[in-house]
């Protein structure tokens, strides 16, 4: 829902058209092979193409003396590699996971960025299915690496925190750890990203609609204040979008670190 989609203004005898869940529901734009594409799906596909296209353009013909685009690509790649992966896994172990984490970081960031890009104006990650899908990929990788590293028995010990030295509290610890790692961990991984993007987009939409709604009579003064809040919230959201991409990848890396460690 955008502000210019309504002719409702204050003092016109109509109530404030508040945004809500309906602001996150979209009708199909078109159908391909029986699959209906709505706006978030289209933005997800376009976002993937943008990320792939950017790195293809930056590194497709890499030079010893990099150009501007290659320098930007190298800076982004190195940020994830050194600032996240190496910090958690070390250089020797972490190098093989760098491409995945770089892809994950920039994909999530791009999905978030759609919120402030004109015409698009919607963060794909504010739809729970997308963070849940990404969290599921990380979850499957974590489980696979855990059992690959420790074997069947050792893997369950790693997941449940099994330690005979815990004595009589061991059963309680096993239940808590298993519940935390197998259910709560992937849930919170997805919801953290979703909730931040959902709330941020809702606030921006609310102040945007309020700016339009108040644009009548003496309400113009309040409309100006609301517009300033829209600008401020957009700037703040730009920061949050990068932070949430960072946190999502940081948590993914820490989960892999836990899978590869002898005990967590």
C-alpha atoms as a PDB file:
ATOM      1  CA  UNK A   1       0.000   0.000   0.000  1.00  0.00           C
ATOM      2  CA  UNK A   2       1.478   3.347  -1.024  1.00  0.00           C
ATOM      3  CA  UNK A   3       0.424   6.829   0.035  1.00  0.00           C
ATOM      4  CA  UNK A   4      -0.643   7.925  -3.437  1.00  0.00           C
ATOM      5  CA  UNK A   5      -3.023   4.970  -3.753  1.00  0.00           C
ATOM      6  CA  UNK A   6      -5.661   6.734  -1.687  1.00  0.00           C
ATOM      7  CA  UNK A   7      -7.434  10.071  -1.980  1.00  0.00           C
ATOM      8  CA  UNK A   8      -8.199  10.084   1.722  1.00  0.00           C
ATOM      9  CA  UNK A   9      -7.009  13.172   3.638  1.00  0.00           C
ATOM     10  CA  UNK A  10      -7.595  14.460   7.122  1.00  0.00           C
ATOM     11  CA  UNK A  11     -10.709  16.673   7.522  1.00  0.00           C
ATOM     12  CA  UNK A  12     -12.289  14.917   4.506  1.00  0.00           C
ATOM     13  CA  UNK A  13     -14.448  12.731   6.680  1.00  0.00           C
ATOM     14  CA  UNK A  14     -12.361   9.571   6.294  1.00  0.00           C
ATOM     15  CA  UNK A  15     -10.215   7.725   8.787  1.00  0.00           C
ATOM     16  CA  UNK A  16      -6.503   7.127   8.591  1.00  0.00           C
ATOM     17  CA  UNK A  17      -5.840   4.249   6.128  1.00  0.00           C
ATOM     18  CA  UNK A  18      -3.405   2.479   8.421  1.00  0.00           C
ATOM     19  CA  UNK A  19      -1.064  -0.116   6.929  1.00  0.00           C
ATOM     20  CA  UNK A  20      -1.266  -3.680   8.173  1.00  0.00           C
ATOM     21  CA  UNK A  21      -0.892  -7.247   7.041  1.00  0.00           C
ATOM     22  CA  UNK A  22      -2.649  -6.339   3.798  1.00  0.00           C
ATOM     23  CA  UNK A  23       0.452  -4.267   2.961  1.00  0.00           C
ATOM     24  CA  UNK A  24       2.398  -7.518   2.651  1.00  0.00           C
ATOM     25  CA  UNK A  25      -0.074  -9.405   0.446  1.00  0.00           C
ATOM     26  CA  UNK A  26       0.330  -9.164  -3.322  1.00  0.00           C
ATOM     27  CA  UNK A  27      -1.721 -10.466  -6.209  1.00  0.00           C
ATOM     28  CA  UNK A  28       0.093 -12.476  -8.915  1.00  0.00           C
ATOM     29  CA  UNK A  29       1.700 -10.313 -11.577  1.00  0.00           C
ATOM     30  CA  UNK A  30       1.999 -13.073 -14.164  1.00  0.00           C
ATOM     31  CA  UNK A  31       2.195 -16.837 -14.525  1.00  0.00           C
ATOM     32  CA  UNK A  32       5.036 -18.923 -16.008  1.00  0.00           C
ATOM     33  CA  UNK A  33       4.545 -22.646 -16.445  1.00  0.00           C
ATOM     34  CA  UNK A  34       1.702 -22.693 -13.969  1.00  0.00           C
ATOM     35  CA  UNK A  35       3.761 -20.830 -11.353  1.00  0.00           C
ATOM     36  CA  UNK A  36       2.277 -17.505 -10.267  1.00  0.00           C
ATOM     37  CA  UNK A  37       4.804 -14.725  -9.686  1.00  0.00           C
ATOM     38  CA  UNK A  38       3.921 -11.923  -7.311  1.00  0.00           C
ATOM     39  CA  UNK A  39       5.991  -8.851  -6.498  1.00  0.00           C
ATOM     40  CA  UNK A  40       8.208 -10.385  -3.751  1.00  0.00           C
ATOM     41  CA  UNK A  41       8.978 -13.410  -5.941  1.00  0.00           C
ATOM     42  CA  UNK A  42       9.907 -11.184  -8.856  1.00  0.00           C
ATOM     43  CA  UNK A  43      12.119  -9.036  -6.626  1.00  0.00           C
ATOM     44  CA  UNK A  44      13.837 -12.166  -5.275  1.00  0.00           C
ATOM     45  CA  UNK A  45      14.652 -13.313  -8.802  1.00  0.00           C
ATOM     46  CA  UNK A  46      15.802  -9.855  -9.853  1.00  0.00           C
ATOM     47  CA  UNK A  47      17.875  -9.554  -6.683  1.00  0.00           C
ATOM     48  CA  UNK A  48      19.639 -12.817  -7.463  1.00  0.00           C
ATOM     49  CA  UNK A  49      20.406 -11.561 -10.963  1.00  0.00           C
ATOM     50  CA  UNK A  50      21.709  -8.269  -9.582  1.00  0.00           C
ATOM     51  CA  UNK A  51      24.100 -10.016  -7.176  1.00  0.00           C
ATOM     52  CA  UNK A  52      25.333 -12.485  -9.800  1.00  0.00           C
ATOM     53  CA  UNK A  53      25.616  -9.738 -12.404  1.00  0.00           C
ATOM     54  CA  UNK A  54      27.585  -7.486 -10.066  1.00  0.00           C
ATOM     55  CA  UNK A  55      30.196 -10.093  -9.185  1.00  0.00           C
ATOM     56  CA  UNK A  56      30.352 -11.279 -12.776  1.00  0.00           C
ATOM     57  CA  UNK A  57      31.079  -7.722 -13.909  1.00  0.00           C
ATOM     58  CA  UNK A  58      33.544  -7.162 -11.062  1.00  0.00           C
ATOM     59  CA  UNK A  59      35.551 -10.379 -11.400  1.00  0.00           C
ATOM     60  CA  UNK A  60      34.727 -11.702 -14.869  1.00  0.00           C
ATOM     61  CA  UNK A  61      37.874 -10.087 -16.217  1.00  0.00           C
ATOM     62  CA  UNK A  62      39.838  -9.456 -13.045  1.00  0.00           C
ATOM     63  CA  UNK A  63      42.962  -7.359 -13.414  1.00  0.00           C
ATOM     64  CA  UNK A  64      46.115  -7.089 -11.334  1.00  0.00           C
ATOM     65  CA  UNK A  65      45.412  -3.376 -11.027  1.00  0.00           C
ATOM     66  CA  UNK A  66      41.687  -3.407 -10.282  1.00  0.00           C
ATOM     67  CA  UNK A  67      39.215  -0.919 -11.678  1.00  0.00           C
ATOM     68  CA  UNK A  68      36.590   0.795  -9.526  1.00  0.00           C
ATOM     69  CA  UNK A  69      34.004  -1.973  -9.817  1.00  0.00           C
ATOM     70  CA  UNK A  70      36.558  -4.683  -9.064  1.00  0.00           C
ATOM     71  CA  UNK A  71      37.787  -2.710  -6.061  1.00  0.00           C
ATOM     72  CA  UNK A  72      34.248  -2.491  -4.686  1.00  0.00           C
ATOM     73  CA  UNK A  73      33.714  -6.218  -5.283  1.00  0.00           C
ATOM     74  CA  UNK A  74      37.007  -7.099  -3.614  1.00  0.00           C
ATOM     75  CA  UNK A  75      36.193  -4.868  -0.634  1.00  0.00           C
ATOM     76  CA  UNK A  76      32.806  -6.551  -0.150  1.00  0.00           C
ATOM     77  CA  UNK A  77      34.238 -10.036  -0.610  1.00  0.00           C
ATOM     78  CA  UNK A  78      37.120  -9.328   1.763  1.00  0.00           C
ATOM     79  CA  UNK A  79      34.778  -7.850   4.365  1.00  0.00           C
ATOM     80  CA  UNK A  80      32.820 -11.095   4.640  1.00  0.00           C
ATOM     81  CA  UNK A  81      35.907 -13.282   4.321  1.00  0.00           C
ATOM     82  CA  UNK A  82      38.077 -11.569   6.931  1.00  0.00           C
ATOM     83  CA  UNK A  83      35.460  -9.848   9.074  1.00  0.00           C
ATOM     84  CA  UNK A  84      33.115 -12.807   9.500  1.00  0.00           C
ATOM     85  CA  UNK A  85      34.381 -16.158   8.237  1.00  0.00           C
ATOM     86  CA  UNK A  86      38.043 -15.960   9.266  1.00  0.00           C
ATOM     87  CA  UNK A  87      37.090 -14.540  12.662  1.00  0.00           C
ATOM     88  CA  UNK A  88      34.855 -17.521  13.433  1.00  0.00           C
ATOM     89  CA  UNK A  89      36.501 -20.399  11.573  1.00  0.00           C
ATOM     90  CA  UNK A  90      40.051 -19.306  10.960  1.00  0.00           C
ATOM     91  CA  UNK A  91      41.718 -18.987   7.569  1.00  0.00           C
ATOM     92  CA  UNK A  92      42.530 -22.657   6.960  1.00  0.00           C
ATOM     93  CA  UNK A  93      39.096 -24.071   7.817  1.00  0.00           C
ATOM     94  CA  UNK A  94      37.040 -21.080   6.782  1.00  0.00           C
ATOM     95  CA  UNK A  95      38.345 -20.552   3.255  1.00  0.00           C
ATOM     96  CA  UNK A  96      36.120 -23.251   1.750  1.00  0.00           C
ATOM     97  CA  UNK A  97      33.007 -21.592   3.236  1.00  0.00           C
ATOM     98  CA  UNK A  98      33.815 -18.072   2.060  1.00  0.00           C
ATOM     99  CA  UNK A  99      31.987 -18.278  -1.315  1.00  0.00           C
ATOM    100  CA  UNK A 100      28.802 -19.507   0.352  1.00  0.00           C
ATOM    101  CA  UNK A 101      28.882 -16.856   3.065  1.00  0.00           C
ATOM    102  CA  UNK A 102      29.656 -14.060   0.607  1.00  0.00           C
ATOM    103  CA  UNK A 103      26.739 -15.167  -1.581  1.00  0.00           C
ATOM    104  CA  UNK A 104      24.458 -15.398   1.453  1.00  0.00           C
ATOM    105  CA  UNK A 105      25.451 -11.965   2.750  1.00  0.00           C
ATOM    106  CA  UNK A 106      24.932 -10.092  -0.504  1.00  0.00           C
ATOM    107  CA  UNK A 107      21.745 -11.957  -1.346  1.00  0.00           C
ATOM    108  CA  UNK A 108      20.175 -11.105   2.019  1.00  0.00           C
ATOM    109  CA  UNK A 109      21.403  -7.532   1.783  1.00  0.00           C
ATOM    110  CA  UNK A 110      19.934  -7.124  -1.693  1.00  0.00           C
ATOM    111  CA  UNK A 111      16.600  -8.593  -0.562  1.00  0.00           C
ATOM    112  CA  UNK A 112      16.586  -6.023   2.237  1.00  0.00           C
ATOM    113  CA  UNK A 113      17.635  -3.139  -0.003  1.00  0.00           C
ATOM    114  CA  UNK A 114      14.569  -3.456  -2.209  1.00  0.00           C
ATOM    115  CA  UNK A 115      12.713  -1.652   0.595  1.00  0.00           C
ATOM    116  CA  UNK A 116      14.253   1.716  -0.265  1.00  0.00           C
ATOM    117  CA  UNK A 117      14.629   1.326  -4.036  1.00  0.00           C
ATOM    118  CA  UNK A 118      12.007   3.351  -5.955  1.00  0.00           C
ATOM    119  CA  UNK A 119       9.210   1.376  -7.636  1.00  0.00           C
ATOM    120  CA  UNK A 120      10.203  -1.809  -5.772  1.00  0.00           C
ATOM    121  CA  UNK A 121       9.817  -0.358  -2.256  1.00  0.00           C
ATOM    122  CA  UNK A 122       9.416  -3.687  -0.532  1.00  0.00           C
ATOM    123  CA  UNK A 123      11.904  -5.833   1.451  1.00  0.00           C
ATOM    124  CA  UNK A 124      11.573  -9.421   0.280  1.00  0.00           C
ATOM    125  CA  UNK A 125      12.774 -10.680   3.659  1.00  0.00           C
ATOM    126  CA  UNK A 126       9.678  -9.179   5.326  1.00  0.00           C
ATOM    127  CA  UNK A 127       7.870 -12.252   3.991  1.00  0.00           C
ATOM    128  CA  UNK A 128       8.713 -15.041   6.460  1.00  0.00           C
ATOM    129  CA  UNK A 129       9.054 -17.697   3.742  1.00  0.00           C
ATOM    130  CA  UNK A 130      12.283 -16.167   2.429  1.00  0.00           C
ATOM    131  CA  UNK A 131      14.233 -15.900   5.732  1.00  0.00           C
ATOM    132  CA  UNK A 132      12.864 -19.346   6.654  1.00  0.00           C
ATOM    133  CA  UNK A 133      14.142 -20.814   3.393  1.00  0.00           C
ATOM    134  CA  UNK A 134      17.597 -19.311   3.874  1.00  0.00           C
ATOM    135  CA  UNK A 135      17.701 -20.424   7.514  1.00  0.00           C
ATOM    136  CA  UNK A 136      16.710 -23.938   6.386  1.00  0.00           C
ATOM    137  CA  UNK A 137      19.689 -24.049   4.004  1.00  0.00           C
ATOM    138  CA  UNK A 138      22.038 -23.079   6.842  1.00  0.00           C
ATOM    139  CA  UNK A 139      20.318 -25.567   9.157  1.00  0.00           C
ATOM    140  CA  UNK A 140      20.741 -28.472   6.721  1.00  0.00           C
ATOM    141  CA  UNK A 141      24.413 -27.557   6.228  1.00  0.00           C
ATOM    142  CA  UNK A 142      24.950 -27.403   9.986  1.00  0.00           C
ATOM    143  CA  UNK A 143      23.360 -30.828  10.573  1.00  0.00           C
ATOM    144  CA  UNK A 144      25.275 -32.372   7.663  1.00  0.00           C
ATOM    145  CA  UNK A 145      28.641 -31.010   8.846  1.00  0.00           C
ATOM    146  CA  UNK A 146      27.955 -32.045  12.431  1.00  0.00           C
ATOM    147  CA  UNK A 147      27.427 -35.701  11.551  1.00  0.00           C
ATOM    148  CA  UNK A 148      30.151 -35.676   8.906  1.00  0.00           C
ATOM    149  CA  UNK A 149      32.684 -34.361  11.405  1.00  0.00           C
ATOM    150  CA  UNK A 150      31.708 -36.405  14.465  1.00  0.00           C
ATOM    151  CA  UNK A 151      29.885 -39.452  13.099  1.00  0.00           C
ATOM    152  CA  UNK A 152      26.412 -40.552  14.133  1.00  0.00           C
ATOM    153  CA  UNK A 153      27.023 -40.931  17.873  1.00  0.00           C
ATOM    154  CA  UNK A 154      29.415 -38.016  18.150  1.00  0.00           C
ATOM    155  CA  UNK A 155      27.052 -35.841  16.142  1.00  0.00           C
ATOM    156  CA  UNK A 156      24.211 -36.387  18.589  1.00  0.00           C
ATOM    157  CA  UNK A 157      26.584 -35.696  21.472  1.00  0.00           C
ATOM    158  CA  UNK A 158      27.564 -32.437  19.830  1.00  0.00           C
ATOM    159  CA  UNK A 159      23.939 -31.440  19.232  1.00  0.00           C
ATOM    160  CA  UNK A 160      22.718 -32.404  22.706  1.00  0.00           C
ATOM    161  CA  UNK A 161      25.751 -31.239  24.678  1.00  0.00           C
ATOM    162  CA  UNK A 162      26.231 -34.722  26.102  1.00  0.00           C
ATOM    163  CA  UNK A 163      28.884 -34.838  28.828  1.00  0.00           C
ATOM    164  CA  UNK A 164      28.984 -37.565  31.488  1.00  0.00           C
ATOM    165  CA  UNK A 165      30.646 -35.169  33.927  1.00  0.00           C
ATOM    166  CA  UNK A 166      27.371 -33.238  34.219  1.00  0.00           C
ATOM    167  CA  UNK A 167      26.012 -35.967  36.472  1.00  0.00           C
ATOM    168  CA  UNK A 168      22.345 -35.885  37.435  1.00  0.00           C
ATOM    169  CA  UNK A 169      21.579 -32.731  35.396  1.00  0.00           C
ATOM    170  CA  UNK A 170      22.678 -34.452  32.170  1.00  0.00           C
ATOM    171  CA  UNK A 171      19.140 -35.470  31.042  1.00  0.00           C
ATOM    172  CA  UNK A 172      17.900 -31.925  31.540  1.00  0.00           C
ATOM    173  CA  UNK A 173      20.850 -30.470  29.628  1.00  0.00           C
ATOM    174  CA  UNK A 174      20.360 -32.955  26.777  1.00  0.00           C
ATOM    175  CA  UNK A 175      16.686 -31.995  26.389  1.00  0.00           C
ATOM    176  CA  UNK A 176      17.400 -28.254  26.566  1.00  0.00           C
ATOM    177  CA  UNK A 177      20.307 -28.416  24.114  1.00  0.00           C
ATOM    178  CA  UNK A 178      18.437 -30.627  21.661  1.00  0.00           C
ATOM    179  CA  UNK A 179      15.405 -28.330  21.762  1.00  0.00           C
ATOM    180  CA  UNK A 180      17.585 -25.253  21.411  1.00  0.00           C
ATOM    181  CA  UNK A 181      19.707 -26.541  18.541  1.00  0.00           C
ATOM    182  CA  UNK A 182      17.145 -28.469  16.527  1.00  0.00           C
ATOM    183  CA  UNK A 183      14.070 -26.249  16.888  1.00  0.00           C
ATOM    184  CA  UNK A 184      14.743 -22.871  18.474  1.00  0.00           C
ATOM    185  CA  UNK A 185      17.976 -22.144  16.584  1.00  0.00           C
ATOM    186  CA  UNK A 186      16.586 -22.260  13.010  1.00  0.00           C
ATOM    187  CA  UNK A 187      13.390 -20.534  14.159  1.00  0.00           C
ATOM    188  CA  UNK A 188      15.170 -17.569  15.739  1.00  0.00           C
ATOM    189  CA  UNK A 189      17.636 -17.402  12.847  1.00  0.00           C
ATOM    190  CA  UNK A 190      14.758 -16.812  10.433  1.00  0.00           C
ATOM    191  CA  UNK A 191      12.523 -14.699  12.681  1.00  0.00           C
ATOM    192  CA  UNK A 192      15.273 -12.249  13.645  1.00  0.00           C
ATOM    193  CA  UNK A 193      15.720 -11.178  10.033  1.00  0.00           C
ATOM    194  CA  UNK A 194      12.017 -11.319   9.212  1.00  0.00           C
ATOM    195  CA  UNK A 195      10.857  -9.323  12.245  1.00  0.00           C
ATOM    196  CA  UNK A 196      13.325  -6.490  11.711  1.00  0.00           C
ATOM    197  CA  UNK A 197      12.498  -6.120   8.038  1.00  0.00           C
ATOM    198  CA  UNK A 198       8.751  -6.438   8.660  1.00  0.00           C
ATOM    199  CA  UNK A 199       8.731  -3.810  11.394  1.00  0.00           C
ATOM    200  CA  UNK A 200      11.004  -1.435   9.487  1.00  0.00           C
ATOM    201  CA  UNK A 201       8.921  -1.569   6.344  1.00  0.00           C
ATOM    202  CA  UNK A 202       5.698  -1.120   8.309  1.00  0.00           C
ATOM    203  CA  UNK A 203       7.055   2.025   9.976  1.00  0.00           C
ATOM    204  CA  UNK A 204       8.195   3.534   6.687  1.00  0.00           C
ATOM    205  CA  UNK A 205       4.839   2.805   5.060  1.00  0.00           C
ATOM    206  CA  UNK A 206       2.966   4.236   8.051  1.00  0.00           C
ATOM    207  CA  UNK A 207       4.845   7.568   8.012  1.00  0.00           C
ATOM    208  CA  UNK A 208       4.611   7.741   4.212  1.00  0.00           C
ATOM    209  CA  UNK A 209       0.839   7.301   4.289  1.00  0.00           C
ATOM    210  CA  UNK A 210       0.571   9.719   7.210  1.00  0.00           C
ATOM    211  CA  UNK A 211       2.453  12.371   5.213  1.00  0.00           C
ATOM    212  CA  UNK A 212      -0.119  12.070   2.424  1.00  0.00           C
ATOM    213  CA  UNK A 213      -3.102  11.780   4.770  1.00  0.00           C
ATOM    214  CA  UNK A 214      -2.171  14.943   6.690  1.00  0.00           C
ATOM    215  CA  UNK A 215      -1.610  16.964   3.531  1.00  0.00           C
ATOM    216  CA  UNK A 216      -4.748  19.054   3.896  1.00  0.00           C
ATOM    217  CA  UNK A 217      -5.501  22.355   5.633  1.00  0.00           C
ATOM    218  CA  UNK A 218      -3.640  22.934   8.886  1.00  0.00           C
ATOM    219  CA  UNK A 219      -2.515  19.317   8.728  1.00  0.00           C
ATOM    220  CA  UNK A 220       0.174  20.362   6.229  1.00  0.00           C
ATOM    221  CA  UNK A 221       2.492  21.274   9.117  1.00  0.00           C
ATOM    222  CA  UNK A 222       2.106  17.791  10.575  1.00  0.00           C
ATOM    223  CA  UNK A 223       2.550  16.300   7.106  1.00  0.00           C
ATOM    224  CA  UNK A 224       5.967  17.963   6.930  1.00  0.00           C
ATOM    225  CA  UNK A 225       6.969  16.466  10.270  1.00  0.00           C
ATOM    226  CA  UNK A 226       5.745  13.056   9.127  1.00  0.00           C
ATOM    227  CA  UNK A 227       7.722  13.374   5.902  1.00  0.00           C
ATOM    228  CA  UNK A 228      10.888  14.145   7.867  1.00  0.00           C
ATOM    229  CA  UNK A 229      10.242  11.027   9.924  1.00  0.00           C
ATOM    230  CA  UNK A 230       9.884   9.070   6.686  1.00  0.00           C
ATOM    231  CA  UNK A 231      13.292  10.297   5.534  1.00  0.00           C
ATOM    232  CA  UNK A 232      14.841   9.562   8.931  1.00  0.00           C
ATOM    233  CA  UNK A 233      13.312   6.073   9.082  1.00  0.00           C
ATOM    234  CA  UNK A 234      14.503   5.339   5.544  1.00  0.00           C
ATOM    235  CA  UNK A 235      18.055   6.348   6.449  1.00  0.00           C
ATOM    236  CA  UNK A 236      17.895   4.249   9.616  1.00  0.00           C
ATOM    237  CA  UNK A 237      16.457   1.328   7.658  1.00  0.00           C
ATOM    238  CA  UNK A 238      19.399   1.500   5.259  1.00  0.00           C
ATOM    239  CA  UNK A 239      21.692   0.897   8.240  1.00  0.00           C
ATOM    240  CA  UNK A 240      19.515  -1.878   9.657  1.00  0.00           C
ATOM    241  CA  UNK A 241      19.416  -3.679   6.316  1.00  0.00           C
ATOM    242  CA  UNK A 242      23.198  -4.053   6.268  1.00  0.00           C
ATOM    243  CA  UNK A 243      23.326  -4.974   9.957  1.00  0.00           C
ATOM    244  CA  UNK A 244      20.715  -7.711   9.556  1.00  0.00           C
ATOM    245  CA  UNK A 245      22.571  -9.219   6.597  1.00  0.00           C
ATOM    246  CA  UNK A 246      25.734  -9.170   8.707  1.00  0.00           C
ATOM    247  CA  UNK A 247      24.043 -10.782  11.708  1.00  0.00           C
ATOM    248  CA  UNK A 248      22.386 -13.463   9.576  1.00  0.00           C
ATOM    249  CA  UNK A 249      25.728 -14.509   8.071  1.00  0.00           C
ATOM    250  CA  UNK A 250      27.550 -14.155  11.396  1.00  0.00           C
ATOM    251  CA  UNK A 251      25.104 -16.580  13.005  1.00  0.00           C
ATOM    252  CA  UNK A 252      25.381 -18.970  10.048  1.00  0.00           C
ATOM    253  CA  UNK A 253      29.160 -18.964  10.422  1.00  0.00           C
ATOM    254  CA  UNK A 254      28.946 -19.536  14.171  1.00  0.00           C
ATOM    255  CA  UNK A 255      26.652 -22.516  13.600  1.00  0.00           C
ATOM    256  CA  UNK A 256      29.183 -24.061  11.227  1.00  0.00           C
ATOM    257  CA  UNK A 257      31.914 -23.367  13.748  1.00  0.00           C
ATOM    258  CA  UNK A 258      29.886 -25.246  16.345  1.00  0.00           C
ATOM    259  CA  UNK A 259      29.410 -28.164  13.961  1.00  0.00           C
ATOM    260  CA  UNK A 260      33.145 -28.450  13.343  1.00  0.00           C
ATOM    261  CA  UNK A 261      34.263 -27.989  16.957  1.00  0.00           C
ATOM    262  CA  UNK A 262      34.847 -30.905  19.269  1.00  0.00           C
ATOM    263  CA  UNK A 263      32.230 -29.670  21.673  1.00  0.00           C
ATOM    264  CA  UNK A 264      30.037 -26.561  22.008  1.00  0.00           C
END
